[in-house]
Amino acid sequence: MPIQIAIFIIAIWIVIILLIAVLCKRYFPKKEELSRKIIHIGTGPVILLAWFFDVPKNIAFITALLITIALGINYQYRLLPAIEDIERKSFGTIAYGISITLLLLLFWPRYASSISIGVLSMAFGDGLAGLIGRSINSPKWSILGQTKSIVGTLTMGSVVAITTSIISSTNNLGIQPLEILVISLIATFLEQISPWGIDNLTVPIGVTCIGIWLVGM
């Protein structure tokens, strides 16, 4: 497939996710985290599309860098409130962009599978943990000023394990159950100890590096 078509498909995906988030912000204004989490979860699969379409490193890196710069501008000026309109202090969206940009620069495309697991662990795991953890009442605790819950923590670990298993099985990576457990535990631990949204930096990079070291993906 020509790279122009691949980029067009990826761009359409991103536009659709942003449109859904804006509509959610408009029609569900009281759910402050919803639109942000939709973007958080929905942009994760872009890494799978880039892997599937075999997007070259230079294009992937430059695109991620430009998006990260745009996120920084939006954080400062709130041009698109659906991304940053929350009360708590968080650098999550910027950290998200920085982590993906660094991973693409350092490891793409040789370790595309590890990068995919790292990014999707953050996108799906943390995104769903935030939504489900707030929706279901369960015992909570505070770590470094961040509120965590049993339901949210279990969601994070479970989603990471499921995501890793699916990527492994569909791409014949041969990741063993114990290795999947290690990856999910590390991802959950990093998510617990990362205030101000920097888990968007520590989880993707940490999980990717552990994947490369542990199973040589």
C-alpha atoms as a PDB file:
ATOM      1  CA  MET A   1       0.000   0.000   0.000  1.00  0.00           C
ATOM      2  CA  PRO A   2       1.350   3.479  -0.894  1.00  0.00           C
ATOM      3  CA  ILE A   3       2.483   5.408   2.165  1.00  0.00           C
ATOM      4  CA  GLN A   4       0.196   8.307   1.214  1.00  0.00           C
ATOM      5  CA  ILE A   5      -2.877   6.094   1.589  1.00  0.00           C
ATOM      6  CA  ALA A   6      -1.612   4.728   4.908  1.00  0.00           C
ATOM      7  CA  ILE A   7      -1.086   8.238   6.269  1.00  0.00           C
ATOM      8  CA  PHE A   8      -4.535   9.264   5.022  1.00  0.00           C
ATOM      9  CA  ILE A   9      -6.184   6.331   6.830  1.00  0.00           C
ATOM     10  CA  ILE A  10      -4.321   7.123  10.054  1.00  0.00           C
ATOM     11  CA  ALA A  11      -5.270  10.803   9.771  1.00  0.00           C
ATOM     12  CA  ILE A  12      -8.933   9.904   9.261  1.00  0.00           C
ATOM     13  CA  TRP A  13      -8.808   7.694  12.355  1.00  0.00           C
ATOM     14  CA  ILE A  14      -7.408  10.543  14.460  1.00  0.00           C
ATOM     15  CA  VAL A  15      -9.981  13.005  13.131  1.00  0.00           C
ATOM     16  CA  ILE A  16     -12.825  10.597  13.965  1.00  0.00           C
ATOM     17  CA  ILE A  17     -11.547  10.147  17.529  1.00  0.00           C
ATOM     18  CA  LEU A  18     -11.242  13.912  18.001  1.00  0.00           C
ATOM     19  CA  LEU A  19     -14.733  14.443  16.604  1.00  0.00           C
ATOM     20  CA  ILE A  20     -16.208  11.868  18.990  1.00  0.00           C
ATOM     21  CA  ALA A  21     -14.404  13.527  21.904  1.00  0.00           C
ATOM     22  CA  VAL A  22     -15.680  16.993  20.948  1.00  0.00           C
ATOM     23  CA  LEU A  23     -19.245  15.688  20.663  1.00  0.00           C
ATOM     24  CA  CYS A  24     -18.966  13.996  24.061  1.00  0.00           C
ATOM     25  CA  LYS A  25     -17.692  17.236  25.551  1.00  0.00           C
ATOM     26  CA  ARG A  26     -20.656  19.056  24.083  1.00  0.00           C
ATOM     27  CA  TYR A  27     -23.396  16.611  25.054  1.00  0.00           C
ATOM     28  CA  PHE A  28     -21.938  15.348  28.338  1.00  0.00           C
ATOM     29  CA  PRO A  29     -20.301  18.481  29.800  1.00  0.00           C
ATOM     30  CA  LYS A  30     -20.506  17.238  33.387  1.00  0.00           C
ATOM     31  CA  LYS A  31     -18.357  14.196  32.606  1.00  0.00           C
ATOM     32  CA  GLU A  32     -15.084  16.080  32.490  1.00  0.00           C
ATOM     33  CA  GLU A  33     -12.822  13.054  32.006  1.00  0.00           C
ATOM     34  CA  LEU A  34     -14.893  11.315  29.319  1.00  0.00           C
ATOM     35  CA  SER A  35     -13.749  13.242  26.251  1.00  0.00           C
ATOM     36  CA  ARG A  36     -10.144  13.144  27.432  1.00  0.00           C
ATOM     37  CA  LYS A  37     -10.266   9.390  27.991  1.00  0.00           C
ATOM     38  CA  ILE A  38     -11.818   8.833  24.564  1.00  0.00           C
ATOM     39  CA  ILE A  39      -8.823  10.567  23.010  1.00  0.00           C
ATOM     40  CA  HIS A  40      -6.485   8.688  25.369  1.00  0.00           C
ATOM     41  CA  ILE A  41      -7.920   5.292  24.404  1.00  0.00           C
ATOM     42  CA  GLY A  42      -8.772   6.021  20.793  1.00  0.00           C
ATOM     43  CA  THR A  43      -5.371   7.324  19.714  1.00  0.00           C
ATOM     44  CA  GLY A  44      -3.558   4.234  21.021  1.00  0.00           C
ATOM     45  CA  PRO A  45      -4.432   2.025  18.019  1.00  0.00           C
ATOM     46  CA  VAL A  46      -2.638   4.502  15.737  1.00  0.00           C
ATOM     47  CA  ILE A  47       0.568   2.666  16.665  1.00  0.00           C
ATOM     48  CA  LEU A  48      -0.983  -0.578  15.401  1.00  0.00           C
ATOM     49  CA  LEU A  49      -1.963   1.107  12.144  1.00  0.00           C
ATOM     50  CA  ALA A  50       1.578   2.422  11.730  1.00  0.00           C
ATOM     51  CA  TRP A  51       2.928  -1.081  12.365  1.00  0.00           C
ATOM     52  CA  PHE A  52       0.405  -2.714  10.014  1.00  0.00           C
ATOM     53  CA  PHE A  53       1.115  -0.236   7.199  1.00  0.00           C
ATOM     54  CA  ASP A  54       4.878  -0.379   7.845  1.00  0.00           C
ATOM     55  CA  VAL A  55       5.186   3.394   8.164  1.00  0.00           C
ATOM     56  CA  PRO A  56       8.867   4.420   7.818  1.00  0.00           C
ATOM     57  CA  LYS A  57      10.701   5.662  10.883  1.00  0.00           C
ATOM     58  CA  ASN A  58      11.291   9.196   9.644  1.00  0.00           C
ATOM     59  CA  ILE A  59       7.623   9.769   8.824  1.00  0.00           C
ATOM     60  CA  ALA A  60       6.414   8.171  12.057  1.00  0.00           C
ATOM     61  CA  PHE A  61       8.857  10.167  14.185  1.00  0.00           C
ATOM     62  CA  ILE A  62       8.260  13.542  12.539  1.00  0.00           C
ATOM     63  CA  THR A  63       4.480  13.060  12.715  1.00  0.00           C
ATOM     64  CA  ALA A  64       4.623  12.151  16.405  1.00  0.00           C
ATOM     65  CA  LEU A  65       6.921  15.120  17.097  1.00  0.00           C
ATOM     66  CA  LEU A  66       4.569  17.571  15.376  1.00  0.00           C
ATOM     67  CA  ILE A  67       1.565  16.164  17.239  1.00  0.00           C
ATOM     68  CA  THR A  68       3.452  16.486  20.536  1.00  0.00           C
ATOM     69  CA  ILE A  69       4.266  20.125  19.784  1.00  0.00           C
ATOM     70  CA  ALA A  70       0.591  20.713  18.955  1.00  0.00           C
ATOM     71  CA  LEU A  71      -0.399  19.095  22.269  1.00  0.00           C
ATOM     72  CA  GLY A  72       1.981  21.429  24.085  1.00  0.00           C
ATOM     73  CA  ILE A  73       0.420  24.454  22.401  1.00  0.00           C
ATOM     74  CA  ASN A  74      -3.066  23.188  23.210  1.00  0.00           C
ATOM     75  CA  TYR A  75      -2.090  22.621  26.840  1.00  0.00           C
ATOM     76  CA  GLN A  76      -0.985  26.243  27.094  1.00  0.00           C
ATOM     77  CA  TYR A  77      -3.864  27.904  25.227  1.00  0.00           C
ATOM     78  CA  ARG A  78      -6.741  25.347  25.469  1.00  0.00           C
ATOM     79  CA  LEU A  79      -7.543  25.582  21.761  1.00  0.00           C
ATOM     80  CA  LEU A  80      -9.294  22.203  21.947  1.00  0.00           C
ATOM     81  CA  PRO A  81     -10.824  21.938  25.448  1.00  0.00           C
ATOM     82  CA  ALA A  82     -11.883  18.320  24.931  1.00  0.00           C
ATOM     83  CA  ILE A  83      -8.248  17.298  25.412  1.00  0.00           C
ATOM     84  CA  GLU A  84      -7.259  19.348  28.450  1.00  0.00           C
ATOM     85  CA  ASP A  85     -10.414  20.612  30.158  1.00  0.00           C
ATOM     86  CA  ILE A  86      -9.959  19.036  33.603  1.00  0.00           C
ATOM     87  CA  GLU A  87      -9.568  20.562  37.038  1.00  0.00           C
ATOM     88  CA  ARG A  88      -6.631  18.508  38.317  1.00  0.00           C
ATOM     89  CA  LYS A  89      -3.082  19.334  37.288  1.00  0.00           C
ATOM     90  CA  SER A  90      -1.895  16.887  34.661  1.00  0.00           C
ATOM     91  CA  PHE A  91       0.774  16.837  31.987  1.00  0.00           C
ATOM     92  CA  GLY A  92      -0.592  13.526  30.704  1.00  0.00           C
ATOM     93  CA  THR A  93      -1.323  14.413  27.103  1.00  0.00           C
ATOM     94  CA  ILE A  94       2.091  16.027  26.596  1.00  0.00           C
ATOM     95  CA  ALA A  95       3.805  13.089  28.306  1.00  0.00           C
ATOM     96  CA  TYR A  96       1.833  10.727  26.050  1.00  0.00           C
ATOM     97  CA  GLY A  97       3.169  12.459  22.955  1.00  0.00           C
ATOM     98  CA  ILE A  98       6.725  12.634  24.284  1.00  0.00           C
ATOM     99  CA  SER A  99       6.807   8.928  25.144  1.00  0.00           C
ATOM    100  CA  ILE A 100       5.581   7.838  21.716  1.00  0.00           C
ATOM    101  CA  THR A 101       7.965  10.229  19.968  1.00  0.00           C
ATOM    102  CA  LEU A 102      10.946   8.877  21.942  1.00  0.00           C
ATOM    103  CA  LEU A 103       9.948   5.260  21.367  1.00  0.00           C
ATOM    104  CA  LEU A 104       9.646   5.825  17.638  1.00  0.00           C
ATOM    105  CA  LEU A 105      13.019   7.569  17.559  1.00  0.00           C
ATOM    106  CA  LEU A 106      14.830   4.870  19.527  1.00  0.00           C
ATOM    107  CA  PHE A 107      13.139   1.589  18.615  1.00  0.00           C
ATOM    108  CA  TRP A 108      10.993   1.898  15.481  1.00  0.00           C
ATOM    109  CA  PRO A 109      10.451  -0.285  13.487  1.00  0.00           C
ATOM    110  CA  ARG A 110      12.739  -3.032  14.831  1.00  0.00           C
ATOM    111  CA  TYR A 111      10.798  -3.332  18.090  1.00  0.00           C
ATOM    112  CA  ALA A 112       7.381  -2.338  16.777  1.00  0.00           C
ATOM    113  CA  SER A 113       5.716  -5.147  18.738  1.00  0.00           C
ATOM    114  CA  SER A 114       7.200  -3.988  22.038  1.00  0.00           C
ATOM    115  CA  ILE A 115       6.277  -0.379  21.296  1.00  0.00           C
ATOM    116  CA  SER A 116       2.723  -1.462  20.489  1.00  0.00           C
ATOM    117  CA  ILE A 117       2.394  -3.314  23.780  1.00  0.00           C
ATOM    118  CA  GLY A 118       3.852  -0.361  25.683  1.00  0.00           C
ATOM    119  CA  VAL A 119       1.618   2.247  24.050  1.00  0.00           C
ATOM    120  CA  LEU A 120      -1.553   0.151  24.220  1.00  0.00           C
ATOM    121  CA  SER A 121      -0.865  -0.725  27.860  1.00  0.00           C
ATOM    122  CA  MET A 122      -1.127   2.981  28.531  1.00  0.00           C
ATOM    123  CA  ALA A 123      -3.952   3.731  26.102  1.00  0.00           C
ATOM    124  CA  PHE A 124      -6.263   0.866  27.019  1.00  0.00           C
ATOM    125  CA  GLY A 125      -5.064  -0.008  30.515  1.00  0.00           C
ATOM    126  CA  ASP A 126      -4.878   3.428  32.070  1.00  0.00           C
ATOM    127  CA  GLY A 127      -7.761   4.808  30.012  1.00  0.00           C
ATOM    128  CA  LEU A 128     -10.207   2.085  31.023  1.00  0.00           C
ATOM    129  CA  ALA A 129      -8.884   2.025  34.598  1.00  0.00           C
ATOM    130  CA  GLY A 130      -9.780   5.701  34.931  1.00  0.00           C
ATOM    131  CA  LEU A 131     -13.280   5.273  33.512  1.00  0.00           C
ATOM    132  CA  ILE A 132     -14.176   2.032  35.282  1.00  0.00           C
ATOM    133  CA  GLY A 133     -12.474   2.990  38.533  1.00  0.00           C
ATOM    134  CA  ARG A 134     -14.626   6.123  38.763  1.00  0.00           C
ATOM    135  CA  SER A 135     -17.812   4.298  37.766  1.00  0.00           C
ATOM    136  CA  ILE A 136     -17.618   1.460  40.306  1.00  0.00           C
ATOM    137  CA  ASN A 137     -17.255   2.213  44.000  1.00  0.00           C
ATOM    138  CA  SER A 138     -14.400   0.326  45.674  1.00  0.00           C
ATOM    139  CA  PRO A 139     -11.772   0.906  48.389  1.00  0.00           C
ATOM    140  CA  LYS A 140      -9.417   3.741  47.499  1.00  0.00           C
ATOM    141  CA  TRP A 141      -6.006   4.979  48.561  1.00  0.00           C
ATOM    142  CA  SER A 142      -3.698   7.868  47.743  1.00  0.00           C
ATOM    143  CA  ILE A 143      -0.168   7.633  46.331  1.00  0.00           C
ATOM    144  CA  LEU A 144       1.835  10.799  45.679  1.00  0.00           C
ATOM    145  CA  GLY A 145      -1.370  12.810  45.660  1.00  0.00           C
ATOM    146  CA  GLN A 146      -3.097  10.495  43.189  1.00  0.00           C
ATOM    147  CA  THR A 147      -6.282   8.615  44.126  1.00  0.00           C
ATOM    148  CA  LYS A 148      -6.272   4.945  43.187  1.00  0.00           C
ATOM    149  CA  SER A 149      -8.867   2.217  43.676  1.00  0.00           C
ATOM    150  CA  ILE A 150      -9.015  -1.564  43.710  1.00  0.00           C
ATOM    151  CA  VAL A 151     -11.309  -1.682  40.683  1.00  0.00           C
ATOM    152  CA  GLY A 152      -9.149   0.740  38.695  1.00  0.00           C
ATOM    153  CA  THR A 153      -5.940  -1.067  39.619  1.00  0.00           C
ATOM    154  CA  LEU A 154      -7.362  -4.483  38.705  1.00  0.00           C
ATOM    155  CA  THR A 155      -8.641  -3.044  35.436  1.00  0.00           C
ATOM    156  CA  MET A 156      -5.189  -1.693  34.605  1.00  0.00           C
ATOM    157  CA  GLY A 157      -3.438  -5.003  35.264  1.00  0.00           C
ATOM    158  CA  SER A 158      -6.084  -7.112  33.517  1.00  0.00           C
ATOM    159  CA  VAL A 159      -6.252  -4.952  30.391  1.00  0.00           C
ATOM    160  CA  VAL A 160      -2.459  -4.902  30.046  1.00  0.00           C
ATOM    161  CA  ALA A 161      -2.361  -8.703  30.343  1.00  0.00           C
ATOM    162  CA  ILE A 162      -5.154  -9.141  27.785  1.00  0.00           C
ATOM    163  CA  THR A 163      -3.598  -6.630  25.378  1.00  0.00           C
ATOM    164  CA  THR A 164      -0.184  -8.289  25.620  1.00  0.00           C
ATOM    165  CA  SER A 165      -1.723 -11.741  25.102  1.00  0.00           C
ATOM    166  CA  ILE A 166      -3.655 -10.651  22.010  1.00  0.00           C
ATOM    167  CA  ILE A 167      -0.663  -8.949  20.378  1.00  0.00           C
ATOM    168  CA  SER A 168       1.510 -11.958  21.189  1.00  0.00           C
ATOM    169  CA  SER A 169      -0.921 -14.540  19.825  1.00  0.00           C
ATOM    170  CA  THR A 170      -1.856 -12.649  16.659  1.00  0.00           C
ATOM    171  CA  ASN A 171       1.799 -11.991  15.787  1.00  0.00           C
ATOM    172  CA  ASN A 172       3.295 -15.293  16.993  1.00  0.00           C
ATOM    173  CA  LEU A 173       5.568 -13.572  19.497  1.00  0.00           C
ATOM    174  CA  GLY A 174       5.510 -16.494  21.900  1.00  0.00           C
ATOM    175  CA  ILE A 175       5.258 -14.413  25.077  1.00  0.00           C
ATOM    176  CA  GLN A 176       4.831 -16.812  27.994  1.00  0.00           C
ATOM    177  CA  PRO A 177       2.160 -16.434  30.717  1.00  0.00           C
ATOM    178  CA  LEU A 178       4.768 -15.593  33.360  1.00  0.00           C
ATOM    179  CA  GLU A 179       6.220 -12.897  31.116  1.00  0.00           C
ATOM    180  CA  ILE A 180       2.736 -11.488  30.531  1.00  0.00           C
ATOM    181  CA  LEU A 181       2.232 -11.390  34.296  1.00  0.00           C
ATOM    182  CA  VAL A 182       5.540  -9.559  34.770  1.00  0.00           C
ATOM    183  CA  ILE A 183       4.646  -6.996  32.096  1.00  0.00           C
ATOM    184  CA  SER A 184       1.201  -6.342  33.575  1.00  0.00           C
ATOM    185  CA  LEU A 185       2.571  -6.017  37.125  1.00  0.00           C
ATOM    186  CA  ILE A 186       5.272  -3.566  36.039  1.00  0.00           C
ATOM    187  CA  ALA A 187       2.772  -1.500  34.052  1.00  0.00           C
ATOM    188  CA  THR A 188       0.393  -1.385  37.019  1.00  0.00           C
ATOM    189  CA  PHE A 189       3.197  -0.434  39.411  1.00  0.00           C
ATOM    190  CA  LEU A 190       4.389   2.392  37.163  1.00  0.00           C
ATOM    191  CA  GLU A 191       0.831   3.673  36.833  1.00  0.00           C
ATOM    192  CA  GLN A 192       0.483   3.735  40.621  1.00  0.00           C
ATOM    193  CA  ILE A 193       3.576   5.834  41.333  1.00  0.00           C
ATOM    194  CA  SER A 194       3.339   8.437  38.560  1.00  0.00           C
ATOM    195  CA  PRO A 195       1.679  11.711  39.630  1.00  0.00           C
ATOM    196  CA  TRP A 196       0.554  14.593  37.361  1.00  0.00           C
ATOM    197  CA  GLY A 197      -0.110  12.257  34.458  1.00  0.00           C
ATOM    198  CA  ILE A 198       3.512  11.254  33.916  1.00  0.00           C
ATOM    199  CA  ASP A 199       2.410   7.607  33.812  1.00  0.00           C
ATOM    200  CA  ASN A 200       1.785   8.450  30.152  1.00  0.00           C
ATOM    201  CA  LEU A 201       5.564   8.670  29.960  1.00  0.00           C
ATOM    202  CA  THR A 202       6.695   5.968  32.393  1.00  0.00           C
ATOM    203  CA  VAL A 203       4.284   3.191  31.398  1.00  0.00           C
ATOM    204  CA  PRO A 204       4.831   3.135  27.600  1.00  0.00           C
ATOM    205  CA  ILE A 205       8.595   3.544  27.898  1.00  0.00           C
ATOM    206  CA  GLY A 206       8.903   1.184  30.867  1.00  0.00           C
ATOM    207  CA  VAL A 207       6.775  -1.577  29.345  1.00  0.00           C
ATOM    208  CA  THR A 208       8.479  -1.273  25.970  1.00  0.00           C
ATOM    209  CA  CYS A 209      11.961  -1.521  27.522  1.00  0.00           C
ATOM    210  CA  ILE A 210      10.923  -4.473  29.691  1.00  0.00           C
ATOM    211  CA  GLY A 211       9.456  -6.183  26.642  1.00  0.00           C
ATOM    212  CA  ILE A 212      12.661  -5.730  24.670  1.00  0.00           C
ATOM    213  CA  TRP A 213      14.820  -6.929  27.590  1.00  0.00           C
ATOM    214  CA  LEU A 214      12.549  -9.725  28.778  1.00  0.00           C
ATOM    215  CA  VAL A 215      11.448 -11.429  25.605  1.00  0.00           C
ATOM    216  CA  GLY A 216      13.455  -9.708  22.875  1.00  0.00           C
ATOM    217  CA  MET A 217      10.358  -8.744  20.921  1.00  0.00           C
END
